[in-house]
PDB file of N, CA and C in Angstrom:
ATOM      1  N   MET A   1      -3.195  -5.036 -13.137  1.00  0.00           N
ATOM      2  CA  MET A   1      -4.410  -4.969 -11.611  1.00  0.00           C
ATOM      3  C   MET A   1      -3.480  -5.320 -10.342  1.00  0.00           C
ATOM      4  N   THR A   2      -2.716  -5.522 -10.192  1.00  0.00           N
ATOM      5  CA  THR A   2      -2.032  -5.571  -8.984  1.00  0.00           C
ATOM      6  C   THR A   2      -1.125  -4.058  -8.507  1.00  0.00           C
ATOM      7  N   ASP A   3      -0.817  -3.635 -10.006  1.00  0.00           N
ATOM      8  CA  ASP A   3       0.096  -2.584  -9.379  1.00  0.00           C
ATOM      9  C   ASP A   3      -0.909  -1.576  -8.882  1.00  0.00           C
ATOM     10  N   ILE A   4      -1.941  -0.816  -9.707  1.00  0.00           N
ATOM     11  CA  ILE A   4      -3.122  -0.368  -9.555  1.00  0.00           C
ATOM     12  C   ILE A   4      -3.912  -0.888  -7.513  1.00  0.00           C
ATOM     13  N   VAL A   5      -3.547  -1.559  -7.060  1.00  0.00           N
ATOM     14  CA  VAL A   5      -3.866  -2.000  -5.498  1.00  0.00           C
ATOM     15  C   VAL A   5      -2.976  -1.401  -5.203  1.00  0.00           C
ATOM     16  N   LEU A   6      -1.349  -1.795  -5.458  1.00  0.00           N
ATOM     17  CA  LEU A   6      -0.613  -1.136  -4.822  1.00  0.00           C
ATOM     18  C   LEU A   6      -0.656  -0.172  -4.305  1.00  0.00           C
ATOM     19  N   ALA A   7      -0.980   0.878  -5.701  1.00  0.00           N
ATOM     20  CA  ALA A   7      -0.962   2.319  -6.057  1.00  0.00           C
ATOM     21  C   ALA A   7      -1.530   2.687  -4.403  1.00  0.00           C
ATOM     22  N   LEU A   8      -3.071   2.108  -4.662  1.00  0.00           N
ATOM     23  CA  LEU A   8      -4.283   2.751  -3.912  1.00  0.00           C
ATOM     24  C   LEU A   8      -3.968   2.668  -2.457  1.00  0.00           C
ATOM     25  N   VAL A   9      -3.253   1.682  -2.230  1.00  0.00           N
ATOM     26  CA  VAL A   9      -2.600   1.312  -0.444  1.00  0.00           C
ATOM     27  C   VAL A   9      -2.042   2.352  -0.626  1.00  0.00           C
ATOM     28  N   MET A  10      -1.138   2.866  -1.127  1.00  0.00           N
ATOM     29  CA  MET A  10      -0.108   3.850  -0.684  1.00  0.00           C
ATOM     30  C   MET A  10      -0.779   5.390  -0.912  1.00  0.00           C
ATOM     31  N   LEU A  11      -1.874   5.506  -1.709  1.00  0.00           N
ATOM     32  CA  LEU A  11      -2.268   6.428  -1.813  1.00  0.00           C
ATOM     33  C   LEU A  11      -3.368   6.759  -0.320  1.00  0.00           C
ATOM     34  N   ALA A  12      -3.997   5.927   0.077  1.00  0.00           N
ATOM     35  CA  ALA A  12      -4.735   5.646   1.345  1.00  0.00           C
ATOM     36  C   ALA A  12      -3.823   5.829   2.480  1.00  0.00           C
ATOM     37  N   ALA A  13      -2.368   5.641   2.165  1.00  0.00           N
ATOM     38  CA  ALA A  13      -2.062   5.233   3.412  1.00  0.00           C
ATOM     39  C   ALA A  13      -1.753   7.141   3.577  1.00  0.00           C
ATOM     40  N   PHE A  14      -0.801   7.527   2.427  1.00  0.00           N
ATOM     41  CA  PHE A  14      -0.935   9.187   1.811  1.00  0.00           C
ATOM     42  C   PHE A  14      -2.255   9.633   2.824  1.00  0.00           C
ATOM     43  N   ALA A  15      -3.548   9.672   2.626  1.00  0.00           N
ATOM     44  CA  ALA A  15      -4.547  10.619   2.706  1.00  0.00           C
ATOM     45  C   ALA A  15      -5.128   9.776   4.933  1.00  0.00           C
ATOM     46  N   LEU A  16      -4.629   8.769   5.591  1.00  0.00           N
ATOM     47  CA  LEU A  16      -4.321   8.192   6.511  1.00  0.00           C
ATOM     48  C   LEU A  16      -3.549   9.301   7.441  1.00  0.00           C
ATOM     49  N   VAL A  17      -2.051   9.420   6.380  1.00  0.00           N
ATOM     50  CA  VAL A  17      -0.874  10.620   7.428  1.00  0.00           C
ATOM     51  C   VAL A  17      -1.872  11.383   7.811  1.00  0.00           C
ATOM     52  N   VAL A  18      -1.855  12.908   6.320  1.00  0.00           N
ATOM     53  CA  VAL A  18      -2.553  13.417   6.149  1.00  0.00           C
ATOM     54  C   VAL A  18      -3.783  13.649   7.015  1.00  0.00           C
ATOM     55  N   GLY A  19      -4.657  12.842   7.220  1.00  0.00           N
ATOM     56  CA  GLY A  19      -5.423  12.917   7.946  1.00  0.00           C
ATOM     57  C   GLY A  19      -5.512  13.390   9.222  1.00  0.00           C
ATOM     58  N   ALA A  20      -4.527  12.088   9.778  1.00  0.00           N
ATOM     59  CA  ALA A  20      -4.367  11.683  11.333  1.00  0.00           C
ATOM     60  C   ALA A  20      -3.655  13.367  11.475  1.00  0.00           C
ATOM     61  N   TYR A  21      -2.316  14.028  10.949  1.00  0.00           N
ATOM     62  CA  TYR A  21      -2.012  15.209  11.158  1.00  0.00           C
ATOM     63  C   TYR A  21      -3.705  16.176  11.379  1.00  0.00           C
ATOM     64  N   LEU A  22      -4.331  15.919  10.654  1.00  0.00           N
ATOM     65  CA  LEU A  22      -5.349  17.104  10.481  1.00  0.00           C
ATOM     66  C   LEU A  22      -6.439  17.078  11.785  1.00  0.00           C
ATOM     67  N   LEU A  23      -6.753  15.723  11.697  1.00  0.00           N
ATOM     68  CA  LEU A  23      -7.007  15.601  13.528  1.00  0.00           C
ATOM     69  C   LEU A  23      -6.835  15.740  14.598  1.00  0.00           C
ATOM     70  N   TRP A  24      -5.531  15.614  14.612  1.00  0.00           N
ATOM     71  CA  TRP A  24      -4.615  16.118  15.470  1.00  0.00           C
ATOM     72  C   TRP A  24      -4.757  18.271  16.198  1.00  0.00           C
ATOM     73  N   LYS A  25      -3.974  18.133  14.798  1.00  0.00           N
ATOM     74  CA  LYS A  25      -4.602  19.727  15.094  1.00  0.00           C
ATOM     75  C   LYS A  25      -5.680  20.486  15.125  1.00  0.00           C
ATOM     76  N   ARG A  26      -6.491  19.799  14.802  1.00  0.00           N
ATOM     77  CA  ARG A  26      -8.004  20.303  14.638  1.00  0.00           C
ATOM     78  C   ARG A  26      -8.957  20.030  16.764  1.00  0.00           C
ATOM     79  N   THR A  27      -8.190  18.708  17.209  1.00  0.00           N
ATOM     80  CA  THR A  27      -9.064  18.550  18.219  1.00  0.00           C
ATOM     81  C   THR A  27      -7.953  18.150  19.111  1.00  0.00           C
ATOM     82  N   GLY A  28      -7.155  17.996  18.997  1.00  0.00           N
ATOM     83  CA  GLY A  28      -5.363  17.208  20.313  1.00  0.00           C
ATOM     84  C   GLY A  28      -5.758  16.361  20.722  1.00  0.00           C
ATOM     85  N   GLU A  29      -6.599  15.613  20.068  1.00  0.00           N
ATOM     86  CA  GLU A  29      -6.603  14.477  20.647  1.00  0.00           C
ATOM     87  C   GLU A  29      -5.520  13.811  20.241  1.00  0.00           C
ATOM     88  N   ALA A  30      -5.176  12.681  20.621  1.00  0.00           N
ATOM     89  CA  ALA A  30      -3.744  12.172  20.312  1.00  0.00           C
ATOM     90  C   ALA A  30      -3.710  10.118  20.132  1.00  0.00           C
ATOM     91  N   LYS A  31      -5.008   9.699  20.767  1.00  0.00           N
ATOM     92  CA  LYS A  31      -5.388   8.214  20.393  1.00  0.00           C
ATOM     93  C   LYS A  31      -5.609   7.596  18.840  1.00  0.00           C
ATOM     94  N   GLN A  32      -6.747   8.744  18.426  1.00  0.00           N
ATOM     95  CA  GLN A  32      -6.839   8.317  16.961  1.00  0.00           C
ATOM     96  C   GLN A  32      -6.221   8.724  15.868  1.00  0.00           C
ATOM     97  N   PRO A  33      -5.979   9.978  15.644  1.00  0.00           N
ATOM     98  CA  PRO A  33      -4.384   9.737  14.943  1.00  0.00           C
ATOM     99  C   PRO A  33      -2.912   9.112  14.722  1.00  0.00           C
ATOM    100  N   LEU A  34      -2.699   8.681  16.420  1.00  0.00           N
ATOM    101  CA  LEU A  34      -1.609   7.885  16.408  1.00  0.00           C
ATOM    102  C   LEU A  34      -1.971   5.689  15.822  1.00  0.00           C
ATOM    103  N   LEU A  35      -3.483   6.002  15.590  1.00  0.00           N
ATOM    104  CA  LEU A  35      -4.197   4.878  15.618  1.00  0.00           C
ATOM    105  C   LEU A  35      -3.810   5.000  13.845  1.00  0.00           C
ATOM    106  N   MET A  36      -4.651   6.085  13.239  1.00  0.00           N
ATOM    107  CA  MET A  36      -4.201   5.963  11.775  1.00  0.00           C
ATOM    108  C   MET A  36      -2.698   6.233  11.705  1.00  0.00           C
ATOM    109  N   LEU A  37      -1.708   7.061  11.901  1.00  0.00           N
ATOM    110  CA  LEU A  37      -0.755   6.932  11.487  1.00  0.00           C
ATOM    111  C   LEU A  37       0.171   5.125  11.837  1.00  0.00           C
ATOM    112  N   LEU A  38      -0.045   4.171  12.272  1.00  0.00           N
ATOM    113  CA  LEU A  38      -0.417   2.999  12.902  1.00  0.00           C
ATOM    114  C   LEU A  38      -0.906   2.234  11.800  1.00  0.00           C
ATOM    115  N   LEU A  39      -1.605   2.486  11.368  1.00  0.00           N
ATOM    116  CA  LEU A  39      -2.275   1.854  10.287  1.00  0.00           C
ATOM    117  C   LEU A  39      -1.516   2.386   8.866  1.00  0.00           C
ATOM    118  N   ALA A  40      -1.430   3.342   8.610  1.00  0.00           N
ATOM    119  CA  ALA A  40      -0.753   3.819   7.098  1.00  0.00           C
ATOM    120  C   ALA A  40       0.655   3.316   7.550  1.00  0.00           C
ATOM    121  N   ALA A  41       1.594   3.079   8.412  1.00  0.00           N
ATOM    122  CA  ALA A  41       2.565   2.601   8.251  1.00  0.00           C
ATOM    123  C   ALA A  41       2.630   0.805   8.580  1.00  0.00           C
ATOM    124  N   ILE A  42       1.542  -0.079   8.790  1.00  0.00           N
ATOM    125  CA  ILE A  42       1.413  -0.882   8.243  1.00  0.00           C
ATOM    126  C   ILE A  42       1.598  -0.801   6.646  1.00  0.00           C
ATOM    127  N   ALA A  43      -0.206  -0.610   6.446  1.00  0.00           N
ATOM    128  CA  ALA A  43       0.045  -0.632   4.828  1.00  0.00           C
ATOM    129  C   ALA A  43       0.805  -0.196   3.627  1.00  0.00           C
ATOM    130  N   GLY A  44       1.889   0.694   4.784  1.00  0.00           N
ATOM    131  CA  GLY A  44       3.356   0.697   3.681  1.00  0.00           C
ATOM    132  C   GLY A  44       4.138  -0.938   3.577  1.00  0.00           C
ATOM    133  N   MET A  45       4.381  -1.119   4.947  1.00  0.00           N
ATOM    134  CA  MET A  45       4.734  -1.940   4.557  1.00  0.00           C
ATOM    135  C   MET A  45       4.611  -3.509   4.218  1.00  0.00           C
ATOM    136  N   ASN A  46       3.646  -3.291   4.321  1.00  0.00           N
ATOM    137  CA  ASN A  46       2.861  -4.197   3.568  1.00  0.00           C
ATOM    138  C   ASN A  46       2.738  -4.225   1.733  1.00  0.00           C
ATOM    139  N   VAL A  47       3.237  -3.089   1.086  1.00  0.00           N
ATOM    140  CA  VAL A  47       3.350  -2.672  -0.368  1.00  0.00           C
ATOM    141  C   VAL A  47       5.173  -2.861  -0.308  1.00  0.00           C
ATOM    142  N   LEU A  48       5.791  -2.199   1.149  1.00  0.00           N
ATOM    143  CA  LEU A  48       6.986  -3.321   1.038  1.00  0.00           C
ATOM    144  C   LEU A  48       7.414  -4.438   0.812  1.00  0.00           C
ATOM    145  N   ILE A  49       6.675  -5.155   1.407  1.00  0.00           N
ATOM    146  CA  ILE A  49       6.416  -6.643   1.689  1.00  0.00           C
ATOM    147  C   ILE A  49       6.463  -7.222   0.426  1.00  0.00           C
ATOM    148  N   TRP A  50       5.469  -6.985  -1.035  1.00  0.00           N
ATOM    149  CA  TRP A  50       5.000  -7.548  -1.727  1.00  0.00           C
ATOM    150  C   TRP A  50       6.070  -6.644  -2.967  1.00  0.00           C
ATOM    151  N   THR A  51       6.636  -5.819  -2.797  1.00  0.00           N
ATOM    152  CA  THR A  51       7.180  -5.009  -4.036  1.00  0.00           C
ATOM    153  C   THR A  51       9.245  -5.166  -3.260  1.00  0.00           C
ATOM    154  N   ILE A  52       9.664  -5.462  -2.235  1.00  0.00           N
ATOM    155  CA  ILE A  52      11.348  -5.842  -2.640  1.00  0.00           C
ATOM    156  C   ILE A  52      11.471  -7.204  -2.614  1.00  0.00           C
ATOM    157  N   PRO A  53      12.836  -7.358  -3.583  1.00  0.00           N
ATOM    158  CA  PRO A  53      13.420  -8.624  -3.798  1.00  0.00           C
ATOM    159  C   PRO A  53      13.686  -9.606  -2.990  1.00  0.00           C
ATOM    160  N   THR A  54      13.672 -10.542  -3.669  1.00  0.00           N
ATOM    161  CA  THR A  54      13.904 -11.573  -2.372  1.00  0.00           C
ATOM    162  C   THR A  54      15.474 -12.200  -2.961  1.00  0.00           C
ATOM    163  N   ALA A  55      15.925 -12.925  -2.168  1.00  0.00           N
ATOM    164  CA  ALA A  55      17.434 -13.119  -2.284  1.00  0.00           C
ATOM    165  C   ALA A  55      17.605 -13.493  -3.583  1.00  0.00           C
ATOM    166  N   ASP A  56      16.517 -13.722  -4.348  1.00  0.00           N
ATOM    167  CA  ASP A  56      17.295 -14.394  -5.907  1.00  0.00           C
ATOM    168  C   ASP A  56      16.760 -13.386  -7.107  1.00  0.00           C
ATOM    169  N   GLY A  57      16.703 -12.303  -6.082  1.00  0.00           N
ATOM    170  CA  GLY A  57      15.791 -10.532  -7.171  1.00  0.00           C
ATOM    171  C   GLY A  57      14.309 -11.087  -7.480  1.00  0.00           C
ATOM    172  N   SER A  58      13.995 -11.867  -7.526  1.00  0.00           N
ATOM    173  CA  SER A  58      12.163 -11.803  -7.868  1.00  0.00           C
ATOM    174  C   SER A  58      11.406 -11.611  -6.396  1.00  0.00           C
ATOM    175  N   ALA A  59      10.502 -10.483  -7.134  1.00  0.00           N
ATOM    176  CA  ALA A  59       9.923  -9.623  -5.355  1.00  0.00           C
ATOM    177  C   ALA A  59       8.644 -10.691  -6.277  1.00  0.00           C
ATOM    178  N   PRO A  60       7.606 -11.105  -4.610  1.00  0.00           N
ATOM    179  CA  PRO A  60       6.287 -12.190  -4.626  1.00  0.00           C
ATOM    180  C   PRO A  60       5.187 -11.835  -6.049  1.00  0.00           C
ATOM    181  N   ILE A  61       5.403  -9.987  -5.915  1.00  0.00           N
ATOM    182  CA  ILE A  61       4.437  -9.944  -6.382  1.00  0.00           C
ATOM    183  C   ILE A  61       5.085 -10.716  -7.901  1.00  0.00           C
ATOM    184  N   ASP A  62       5.930  -9.919  -8.579  1.00  0.00           N
ATOM    185  CA  ASP A  62       6.767 -10.487  -9.705  1.00  0.00           C
ATOM    186  C   ASP A  62       5.934 -12.444  -9.951  1.00  0.00           C
ATOM    187  N   GLN A  63       6.042 -12.722  -8.721  1.00  0.00           N
ATOM    188  CA  GLN A  63       5.764 -14.181  -8.686  1.00  0.00           C
ATOM    189  C   GLN A  63       4.830 -14.834  -9.029  1.00  0.00           C
ATOM    190  N   VAL A  64       3.659 -13.935  -8.549  1.00  0.00           N
ATOM    191  CA  VAL A  64       2.085 -13.906  -8.659  1.00  0.00           C
ATOM    192  C   VAL A  64       1.591 -13.644  -9.667  1.00  0.00           C
ATOM    193  N   LYS A  65       2.357 -12.441 -10.707  1.00  0.00           N
ATOM    194  CA  LYS A  65       2.181 -12.231 -12.328  1.00  0.00           C
ATOM    195  C   LYS A  65       2.613 -13.177 -13.135  1.00  0.00           C
ATOM    196  N   ALA A  66       3.543 -13.991 -12.694  1.00  0.00           N
ATOM    197  CA  ALA A  66       4.301 -15.281 -13.215  1.00  0.00           C
ATOM    198  C   ALA A  66       3.242 -16.534 -13.185  1.00  0.00           C
ATOM    199  N   ALA A  67       2.294 -16.954 -12.115  1.00  0.00           N
ATOM    200  CA  ALA A  67       1.761 -17.607 -11.629  1.00  0.00           C
ATOM    201  C   ALA A  67       0.329 -17.588 -12.315  1.00  0.00           C
ATOM    202  N   GLY A  68       0.380 -16.887 -12.698  1.00  0.00           N
ATOM    203  CA  GLY A  68      -1.088 -16.459 -13.583  1.00  0.00           C
ATOM    204  C   GLY A  68      -2.087 -15.914 -12.875  1.00  0.00           C
ATOM    205  N   GLY A  69      -1.705 -15.440 -11.836  1.00  0.00           N
ATOM    206  CA  GLY A  69      -2.250 -14.602 -10.658  1.00  0.00           C
ATOM    207  C   GLY A  69      -2.899 -13.169 -11.324  1.00  0.00           C
ATOM    208  N   GLU A  70      -2.552 -12.819 -12.041  1.00  0.00           N
ATOM    209  CA  GLU A  70      -3.358 -11.523 -12.490  1.00  0.00           C
ATOM    210  C   GLU A  70      -3.566 -11.535 -13.951  1.00  0.00           C
ATOM    211  N   SER A  71      -5.128 -11.502 -13.984  1.00  0.00           N
ATOM    212  CA  SER A  71      -6.036 -11.194 -15.458  1.00  0.00           C
ATOM    213  C   SER A  71      -4.891 -10.831 -16.367  1.00  0.00           C
ATOM    214  N   PRO A  72      -4.978 -11.316 -17.164  1.00  0.00           N
ATOM    215  CA  PRO A  72      -4.513 -10.559 -18.726  1.00  0.00           C
ATOM    216  C   PRO A  72      -4.942  -9.418 -19.184  1.00  0.00           C
ATOM    217  N   GLN A  73      -4.601  -9.004 -20.053  1.00  0.00           N
ATOM    218  CA  GLN A  73      -4.898  -7.834 -20.384  1.00  0.00           C
ATOM    219  C   GLN A  73      -5.898  -7.654 -22.207  1.00  0.00           C
ATOM    220  N   PRO A  74      -6.637  -7.268 -22.197  1.00  0.00           N
ATOM    221  CA  PRO A  74      -7.182  -6.927 -22.896  1.00  0.00           C
ATOM    222  C   PRO A  74      -7.222  -6.831 -24.759  1.00  0.00           C
ATOM    223  N   ASN A  75      -7.047  -7.420 -25.191  1.00  0.00           N
ATOM    224  CA  ASN A  75      -5.498  -7.205 -26.465  1.00  0.00           C
ATOM    225  C   ASN A  75      -6.710  -6.135 -27.370  1.00  0.00           C
ATOM    226  N   SER A  76      -6.481  -4.888 -27.821  1.00  0.00           N
ATOM    227  CA  SER A  76      -6.558  -3.214 -27.898  1.00  0.00           C
ATOM    228  C   SER A  76      -6.528  -3.143 -29.201  1.00  0.00           C
ATOM    229  N   GLU A  77      -6.214  -4.677 -30.017  1.00  0.00           N
ATOM    230  CA  GLU A  77      -6.217  -4.214 -32.155  1.00  0.00           C
ATOM    231  C   GLU A  77      -7.618  -4.642 -32.125  1.00  0.00           C
TER     232      GLU A  77
END
């Protein structure tokens, strides 16, 4: 489930970048597109924080999964 959330955050960040470019080209305004780019950068940094391994070699997302923070997958049998 956490992998899906991280993927959705990255898709949203990509959509923000594209939307910022289109808004800038259409209106010529700079404030809102810059804020959209800032939000996309913050979202990308959050994904990096969760996925980059620490000094001991485990990423925070792996620690959450190991601690039982993710619900078990249903048995498909």
